[in-house]
Amino acid sequence: LMGTALIFGYLVFHDALIFQFMEKVEDIASNFVLAAVPLFVFMGTMLERSGIAEQLFEAVHLWTRRLPGGLALGTVTM
């Protein structure tokens, strides 16, 4: 897709294509909301690798043992 965009953009916009792509990259890079996605994945990886996630699930399972849907409640509260 990116190759098609580059070829079509060069045919239509010629040298202005470089400035348009640089502006788009700057707009996306300065969006702080998108920084939350890799940080959320990193947090999940650290919880899983350190074993904290398993301990949290066990603790929530003890708290919600008698409730229906205890695993779902544990996932939501964690």
PDB file of N, CA and C in Angstrom:
ATOM      1  N   LEU A   1       0.816  -1.195   0.000  1.00  0.00           N
ATOM      2  CA  LEU A   1       0.000   0.000   0.000  1.00  0.00           C
ATOM      3  C   LEU A   1       0.859   1.257   0.000  1.00  0.00           C
ATOM      4  N   MET A   2       1.932   1.200   0.769  1.00  0.00           N
ATOM      5  CA  MET A   2       2.787   2.378   0.839  1.00  0.00           C
ATOM      6  C   MET A   2       3.493   2.620  -0.499  1.00  0.00           C
ATOM      7  N   GLY A   3       3.878   1.542  -1.161  1.00  0.00           N
ATOM      8  CA  GLY A   3       4.508   1.695  -2.459  1.00  0.00           C
ATOM      9  C   GLY A   3       3.572   2.307  -3.485  1.00  0.00           C
ATOM     10  N   THR A   4       2.315   1.867  -3.473  1.00  0.00           N
ATOM     11  CA  THR A   4       1.323   2.435  -4.378  1.00  0.00           C
ATOM     12  C   THR A   4       1.112   3.914  -4.079  1.00  0.00           C
ATOM     13  N   ALA A   5       1.057   4.256  -2.791  1.00  0.00           N
ATOM     14  CA  ALA A   5       0.883   5.658  -2.410  1.00  0.00           C
ATOM     15  C   ALA A   5       2.074   6.497  -2.855  1.00  0.00           C
ATOM     16  N   LEU A   6       3.272   5.955  -2.727  1.00  0.00           N
ATOM     17  CA  LEU A   6       4.468   6.701  -3.161  1.00  0.00           C
ATOM     18  C   LEU A   6       4.470   6.925  -4.672  1.00  0.00           C
ATOM     19  N   ILE A   7       4.160   5.887  -5.430  1.00  0.00           N
ATOM     20  CA  ILE A   7       4.175   6.020  -6.891  1.00  0.00           C
ATOM     21  C   ILE A   7       3.088   6.991  -7.361  1.00  0.00           C
ATOM     22  N   PHE A   8       1.869   6.807  -6.867  1.00  0.00           N
ATOM     23  CA  PHE A   8       0.768   7.688  -7.254  1.00  0.00           C
ATOM     24  C   PHE A   8       1.033   9.125  -6.804  1.00  0.00           C
ATOM     25  N   GLY A   9       1.542   9.267  -5.585  1.00  0.00           N
ATOM     26  CA  GLY A   9       1.840  10.606  -5.074  1.00  0.00           C
ATOM     27  C   GLY A   9       2.915  11.303  -5.885  1.00  0.00           C
ATOM     28  N   TYR A  10       3.927  10.557  -6.302  1.00  0.00           N
ATOM     29  CA  TYR A  10       4.987  11.173  -7.104  1.00  0.00           C
ATOM     30  C   TYR A  10       4.470  11.581  -8.476  1.00  0.00           C
ATOM     31  N   LEU A  11       3.617  10.742  -9.059  1.00  0.00           N
ATOM     32  CA  LEU A  11       3.069  11.078 -10.368  1.00  0.00           C
ATOM     33  C   LEU A  11       2.164  12.312 -10.318  1.00  0.00           C
ATOM     34  N   VAL A  12       1.453  12.488  -9.241  1.00  0.00           N
ATOM     35  CA  VAL A  12       0.494  13.587  -9.139  1.00  0.00           C
ATOM     36  C   VAL A  12       1.128  14.849  -8.552  1.00  0.00           C
ATOM     37  N   PHE A  13       1.886  14.702  -7.465  1.00  0.00           N
ATOM     38  CA  PHE A  13       2.359  15.872  -6.723  1.00  0.00           C
ATOM     39  C   PHE A  13       3.837  16.205  -6.943  1.00  0.00           C
ATOM     40  N   HIS A  14       4.591  15.351  -7.554  1.00  0.00           N
ATOM     41  CA  HIS A  14       6.022  15.539  -7.836  1.00  0.00           C
ATOM     42  C   HIS A  14       6.792  15.843  -6.557  1.00  0.00           C
ATOM     43  N   ASP A  15       7.452  16.979  -6.455  1.00  0.00           N
ATOM     44  CA  ASP A  15       8.325  17.263  -5.310  1.00  0.00           C
ATOM     45  C   ASP A  15       7.552  17.618  -4.040  1.00  0.00           C
ATOM     46  N   ALA A  16       6.314  18.041  -4.166  1.00  0.00           N
ATOM     47  CA  ALA A  16       5.521  18.374  -2.976  1.00  0.00           C
ATOM     48  C   ALA A  16       5.202  17.131  -2.151  1.00  0.00           C
ATOM     49  N   LEU A  17       5.382  15.959  -2.742  1.00  0.00           N
ATOM     50  CA  LEU A  17       5.103  14.704  -2.049  1.00  0.00           C
ATOM     51  C   LEU A  17       5.948  14.557  -0.794  1.00  0.00           C
ATOM     52  N   ILE A  18       7.210  14.938  -0.860  1.00  0.00           N
ATOM     53  CA  ILE A  18       8.114  14.815   0.294  1.00  0.00           C
ATOM     54  C   ILE A  18       7.598  15.634   1.465  1.00  0.00           C
ATOM     55  N   PHE A  19       7.187  16.859   1.210  1.00  0.00           N
ATOM     56  CA  PHE A  19       6.689  17.722   2.280  1.00  0.00           C
ATOM     57  C   PHE A  19       5.375  17.202   2.851  1.00  0.00           C
ATOM     58  N   GLN A  20       4.533  16.632   2.003  1.00  0.00           N
ATOM     59  CA  GLN A  20       3.263  16.091   2.475  1.00  0.00           C
ATOM     60  C   GLN A  20       3.487  14.876   3.371  1.00  0.00           C
ATOM     61  N   PHE A  21       4.402  13.995   2.968  1.00  0.00           N
ATOM     62  CA  PHE A  21       4.688  12.828   3.796  1.00  0.00           C
ATOM     63  C   PHE A  21       5.340  13.227   5.112  1.00  0.00           C
ATOM     64  N   MET A  22       6.248  14.188   5.066  1.00  0.00           N
ATOM     65  CA  MET A  22       6.908  14.634   6.300  1.00  0.00           C
ATOM     66  C   MET A  22       5.896  15.270   7.250  1.00  0.00           C
ATOM     67  N   GLU A  23       4.957  16.029   6.717  1.00  0.00           N
ATOM     68  CA  GLU A  23       3.934  16.640   7.558  1.00  0.00           C
ATOM     69  C   GLU A  23       3.038  15.579   8.187  1.00  0.00           C
ATOM     70  N   LYS A  24       2.692  14.550   7.425  1.00  0.00           N
ATOM     71  CA  LYS A  24       1.848  13.475   7.956  1.00  0.00           C
ATOM     72  C   LYS A  24       2.582  12.687   9.034  1.00  0.00           C
ATOM     73  N   VAL A  25       3.849  12.407   8.825  1.00  0.00           N
ATOM     74  CA  VAL A  25       4.641  11.695   9.831  1.00  0.00           C
ATOM     75  C   VAL A  25       4.737  12.522  11.104  1.00  0.00           C
ATOM     76  N   GLU A  26       4.933  13.820  10.970  1.00  0.00           N
ATOM     77  CA  GLU A  26       5.012  14.696  12.140  1.00  0.00           C
ATOM     78  C   GLU A  26       3.679  14.735  12.888  1.00  0.00           C
ATOM     79  N   ASP A  27       2.559  14.770  12.164  1.00  0.00           N
ATOM     80  CA  ASP A  27       1.245  14.775  12.808  1.00  0.00           C
ATOM     81  C   ASP A  27       1.017  13.498  13.608  1.00  0.00           C
ATOM     82  N   ILE A  28       1.380  12.372  13.041  1.00  0.00           N
ATOM     83  CA  ILE A  28       1.173  11.097  13.730  1.00  0.00           C
ATOM     84  C   ILE A  28       2.139  10.958  14.897  1.00  0.00           C
ATOM     85  N   ALA A  29       3.388  11.380  14.728  1.00  0.00           N
ATOM     86  CA  ALA A  29       4.379  11.243  15.791  1.00  0.00           C
ATOM     87  C   ALA A  29       4.087  12.148  16.975  1.00  0.00           C
ATOM     88  N   SER A  30       3.421  13.269  16.744  1.00  0.00           N
ATOM     89  CA  SER A  30       3.131  14.185  17.845  1.00  0.00           C
ATOM     90  C   SER A  30       1.797  13.892  18.532  1.00  0.00           C
ATOM     91  N   ASN A  31       1.105  12.828  18.130  1.00  0.00           N
ATOM     92  CA  ASN A  31      -0.158  12.448  18.743  1.00  0.00           C
ATOM     93  C   ASN A  31       0.136  11.599  19.984  1.00  0.00           C
ATOM     94  N   PHE A  32      -0.078  12.165  21.159  1.00  0.00           N
ATOM     95  CA  PHE A  32       0.281  11.485  22.397  1.00  0.00           C
ATOM     96  C   PHE A  32      -0.684  10.353  22.746  1.00  0.00           C
ATOM     97  N   VAL A  33      -1.874  10.351  22.165  1.00  0.00           N
ATOM     98  CA  VAL A  33      -2.830   9.281  22.434  1.00  0.00           C
ATOM     99  C   VAL A  33      -2.293   7.953  21.905  1.00  0.00           C
ATOM    100  N   LEU A  34      -1.604   7.982  20.784  1.00  0.00           N
ATOM    101  CA  LEU A  34      -1.075   6.751  20.201  1.00  0.00           C
ATOM    102  C   LEU A  34       0.065   6.156  21.022  1.00  0.00           C
ATOM    103  N   ALA A  35       0.673   6.934  21.913  1.00  0.00           N
ATOM    104  CA  ALA A  35       1.741   6.412  22.765  1.00  0.00           C
ATOM    105  C   ALA A  35       1.194   5.437  23.794  1.00  0.00           C
ATOM    106  N   ALA A  36      -0.089   5.496  24.097  1.00  0.00           N
ATOM    107  CA  ALA A  36      -0.679   4.607  25.096  1.00  0.00           C
ATOM    108  C   ALA A  36      -0.720   3.160  24.624  1.00  0.00           C
ATOM    109  N   VAL A  37      -0.817   2.925  23.331  1.00  0.00           N
ATOM    110  CA  VAL A  37      -0.948   1.552  22.817  1.00  0.00           C
ATOM    111  C   VAL A  37       0.308   0.726  23.096  1.00  0.00           C
ATOM    112  N   PRO A  38       1.513   1.145  22.691  1.00  0.00           N
ATOM    113  CA  PRO A  38       2.676   0.309  23.002  1.00  0.00           C
ATOM    114  C   PRO A  38       2.968   0.241  24.493  1.00  0.00           C
ATOM    115  N   LEU A  39       2.652   1.299  25.245  1.00  0.00           N
ATOM    116  CA  LEU A  39       2.864   1.251  26.686  1.00  0.00           C
ATOM    117  C   LEU A  39       1.917   0.255  27.356  1.00  0.00           C
ATOM    118  N   PHE A  40       0.680   0.163  26.864  1.00  0.00           N
ATOM    119  CA  PHE A  40      -0.264  -0.810  27.400  1.00  0.00           C
ATOM    120  C   PHE A  40       0.207  -2.229  27.105  1.00  0.00           C
ATOM    121  N   VAL A  41       0.694  -2.477  25.895  1.00  0.00           N
ATOM    122  CA  VAL A  41       1.213  -3.799  25.540  1.00  0.00           C
ATOM    123  C   VAL A  41       2.445  -4.125  26.388  1.00  0.00           C
ATOM    124  N   PHE A  42       3.314  -3.129  26.597  1.00  0.00           N
ATOM    125  CA  PHE A  42       4.508  -3.325  27.428  1.00  0.00           C
ATOM    126  C   PHE A  42       4.111  -3.673  28.861  1.00  0.00           C
ATOM    127  N   MET A  43       3.106  -2.984  29.418  1.00  0.00           N
ATOM    128  CA  MET A  43       2.652  -3.268  30.770  1.00  0.00           C
ATOM    129  C   MET A  43       2.134  -4.703  30.874  1.00  0.00           C
ATOM    130  N   GLY A  44       1.343  -5.138  29.903  1.00  0.00           N
ATOM    131  CA  GLY A  44       0.832  -6.502  29.918  1.00  0.00           C
ATOM    132  C   GLY A  44       1.944  -7.533  29.832  1.00  0.00           C
ATOM    133  N   THR A  45       2.945  -7.258  29.023  1.00  0.00           N
ATOM    134  CA  THR A  45       4.080  -8.172  28.897  1.00  0.00           C
ATOM    135  C   THR A  45       4.853  -8.260  30.204  1.00  0.00           C
ATOM    136  N   MET A  46       5.070  -7.123  30.846  1.00  0.00           N
ATOM    137  CA  MET A  46       5.799  -7.121  32.119  1.00  0.00           C
ATOM    138  C   MET A  46       5.019  -7.844  33.212  1.00  0.00           C
ATOM    139  N   LEU A  47       3.700  -7.667  33.246  1.00  0.00           N
ATOM    140  CA  LEU A  47       2.885  -8.376  34.234  1.00  0.00           C
ATOM    141  C   LEU A  47       2.933  -9.881  34.005  1.00  0.00           C
ATOM    142  N   GLU A  48       2.901 -10.294  32.744  1.00  0.00           N
ATOM    143  CA  GLU A  48       2.908 -11.719  32.432  1.00  0.00           C
ATOM    144  C   GLU A  48       4.278 -12.340  32.699  1.00  0.00           C
ATOM    145  N   ARG A  49       5.337 -11.671  32.302  1.00  0.00           N
ATOM    146  CA  ARG A  49       6.688 -12.227  32.458  1.00  0.00           C
ATOM    147  C   ARG A  49       7.138 -12.279  33.911  1.00  0.00           C
ATOM    148  N   SER A  50       6.695 -11.324  34.716  1.00  0.00           N
ATOM    149  CA  SER A  50       7.129 -11.294  36.117  1.00  0.00           C
ATOM    150  C   SER A  50       6.299 -12.222  36.995  1.00  0.00           C
ATOM    151  N   GLY A  51       5.185 -12.722  36.489  1.00  0.00           N
ATOM    152  CA  GLY A  51       4.347 -13.614  37.270  1.00  0.00           C
ATOM    153  C   GLY A  51       3.304 -12.895  38.097  1.00  0.00           C
ATOM    154  N   ILE A  52       3.296 -11.581  38.042  1.00  0.00           N
ATOM    155  CA  ILE A  52       2.328 -10.809  38.819  1.00  0.00           C
ATOM    156  C   ILE A  52       0.915 -11.054  38.320  1.00  0.00           C
ATOM    157  N   ALA A  53       0.742 -11.227  37.020  1.00  0.00           N
ATOM    158  CA  ALA A  53      -0.591 -11.439  36.459  1.00  0.00           C
ATOM    159  C   ALA A  53      -1.210 -12.721  37.005  1.00  0.00           C
ATOM    160  N   GLU A  54      -0.438 -13.769  37.093  1.00  0.00           N
ATOM    161  CA  GLU A  54      -0.960 -15.033  37.626  1.00  0.00           C
ATOM    162  C   GLU A  54      -1.352 -14.883  39.088  1.00  0.00           C
ATOM    163  N   GLN A  55      -0.540 -14.187  39.866  1.00  0.00           N
ATOM    164  CA  GLN A  55      -0.871 -13.969  41.273  1.00  0.00           C
ATOM    165  C   GLN A  55      -2.118 -13.099  41.427  1.00  0.00           C
ATOM    166  N   LEU A  56      -2.271 -12.103  40.558  1.00  0.00           N
ATOM    167  CA  LEU A  56      -3.465 -11.270  40.610  1.00  0.00           C
ATOM    168  C   LEU A  56      -4.723 -12.073  40.266  1.00  0.00           C
ATOM    169  N   PHE A  57      -4.635 -12.937  39.260  1.00  0.00           N
ATOM    170  CA  PHE A  57      -5.782 -13.771  38.905  1.00  0.00           C
ATOM    171  C   PHE A  57      -6.140 -14.713  40.050  1.00  0.00           C
ATOM    172  N   GLU A  58      -5.134 -15.278  40.721  1.00  0.00           N
ATOM    173  CA  GLU A  58      -5.409 -16.156  41.853  1.00  0.00           C
ATOM    174  C   GLU A  58      -6.075 -15.390  42.993  1.00  0.00           C
ATOM    175  N   ALA A  59      -5.617 -14.180  43.271  1.00  0.00           N
ATOM    176  CA  ALA A  59      -6.206 -13.369  44.339  1.00  0.00           C
ATOM    177  C   ALA A  59      -7.647 -13.000  44.014  1.00  0.00           C
ATOM    178  N   VAL A  60      -7.909 -12.608  42.781  1.00  0.00           N
ATOM    179  CA  VAL A  60      -9.273 -12.246  42.398  1.00  0.00           C
ATOM    180  C   VAL A  60     -10.161 -13.493  42.399  1.00  0.00           C
ATOM    181  N   HIS A  61      -9.589 -14.638  42.031  1.00  0.00           N
ATOM    182  CA  HIS A  61     -10.367 -15.883  42.070  1.00  0.00           C
ATOM    183  C   HIS A  61     -10.776 -16.211  43.504  1.00  0.00           C
ATOM    184  N   LEU A  62      -9.896 -15.975  44.457  1.00  0.00           N
ATOM    185  CA  LEU A  62     -10.250 -16.200  45.859  1.00  0.00           C
ATOM    186  C   LEU A  62     -11.361 -15.263  46.301  1.00  0.00           C
ATOM    187  N   TRP A  63     -11.337 -14.027  45.851  1.00  0.00           N
ATOM    188  CA  TRP A  63     -12.348 -13.040  46.249  1.00  0.00           C
ATOM    189  C   TRP A  63     -13.698 -13.329  45.607  1.00  0.00           C
ATOM    190  N   THR A  64     -13.685 -13.801  44.364  1.00  0.00           N
ATOM    191  CA  THR A  64     -14.939 -13.979  43.617  1.00  0.00           C
ATOM    192  C   THR A  64     -15.261 -15.457  43.400  1.00  0.00           C
ATOM    193  N   ARG A  65     -14.844 -16.299  44.305  1.00  0.00           N
ATOM    194  CA  ARG A  65     -14.993 -17.744  44.142  1.00  0.00           C
ATOM    195  C   ARG A  65     -16.456 -18.156  44.013  1.00  0.00           C
ATOM    196  N   ARG A  66     -17.338 -17.541  44.768  1.00  0.00           N
ATOM    197  CA  ARG A  66     -18.736 -17.962  44.794  1.00  0.00           C
ATOM    198  C   ARG A  66     -19.612 -17.205  43.785  1.00  0.00           C
ATOM    199  N   LEU A  67     -19.078 -16.204  43.146  1.00  0.00           N
ATOM    200  CA  LEU A  67     -19.856 -15.422  42.185  1.00  0.00           C
ATOM    201  C   LEU A  67     -19.794 -16.065  40.795  1.00  0.00           C
ATOM    202  N   PRO A  68     -20.896 -16.040  40.062  1.00  0.00           N
ATOM    203  CA  PRO A  68     -20.827 -16.535  38.681  1.00  0.00           C
ATOM    204  C   PRO A  68     -20.032 -15.554  37.810  1.00  0.00           C
ATOM    205  N   GLY A  69     -19.225 -16.083  36.945  1.00  0.00           N
ATOM    206  CA  GLY A  69     -18.411 -15.234  36.072  1.00  0.00           C
ATOM    207  C   GLY A  69     -17.201 -14.673  36.776  1.00  0.00           C
ATOM    208  N   GLY A  70     -16.627 -15.442  37.681  1.00  0.00           N
ATOM    209  CA  GLY A  70     -15.481 -14.952  38.462  1.00  0.00           C
ATOM    210  C   GLY A  70     -14.275 -14.620  37.602  1.00  0.00           C
ATOM    211  N   LEU A  71     -14.039 -15.399  36.548  1.00  0.00           N
ATOM    212  CA  LEU A  71     -12.910 -15.132  35.660  1.00  0.00           C
ATOM    213  C   LEU A  71     -13.105 -13.813  34.918  1.00  0.00           C
ATOM    214  N   ALA A  72     -14.331 -13.549  34.475  1.00  0.00           N
ATOM    215  CA  ALA A  72     -14.619 -12.282  33.799  1.00  0.00           C
ATOM    216  C   ALA A  72     -14.452 -11.120  34.764  1.00  0.00           C
ATOM    217  N   LEU A  73     -14.918 -11.274  35.979  1.00  0.00           N
ATOM    218  CA  LEU A  73     -14.736 -10.204  36.971  1.00  0.00           C
ATOM    219  C   LEU A  73     -13.246  -9.971  37.258  1.00  0.00           C
ATOM    220  N   GLY A  74     -12.489 -11.057  37.333  1.00  0.00           N
ATOM    221  CA  GLY A  74     -11.049 -10.921  37.561  1.00  0.00           C
ATOM    222  C   GLY A  74     -10.350 -10.210  36.427  1.00  0.00           C
ATOM    223  N   THR A  75     -10.757 -10.502  35.216  1.00  0.00           N
ATOM    224  CA  THR A  75     -10.148  -9.844  34.057  1.00  0.00           C
ATOM    225  C   THR A  75     -10.478  -8.359  34.024  1.00  0.00           C
ATOM    226  N   VAL A  76     -11.722  -8.033  34.340  1.00  0.00           N
ATOM    227  CA  VAL A  76     -12.128  -6.633  34.303  1.00  0.00           C
ATOM    228  C   VAL A  76     -11.483  -5.836  35.419  1.00  0.00           C
ATOM    229  N   THR A  77     -11.421  -6.403  36.627  1.00  0.00           N
ATOM    230  CA  THR A  77     -10.836  -5.669  37.752  1.00  0.00           C
ATOM    231  C   THR A  77      -9.328  -5.590  37.666  1.00  0.00           C
ATOM    232  N   MET A  78      -8.718  -6.523  36.989  1.00  0.00           N
ATOM    233  CA  MET A  78      -7.264  -6.478  36.875  1.00  0.00           C
ATOM    234  C   MET A  78      -6.880  -5.455  35.852  1.00  0.00           C
TER     235      MET A  78
END
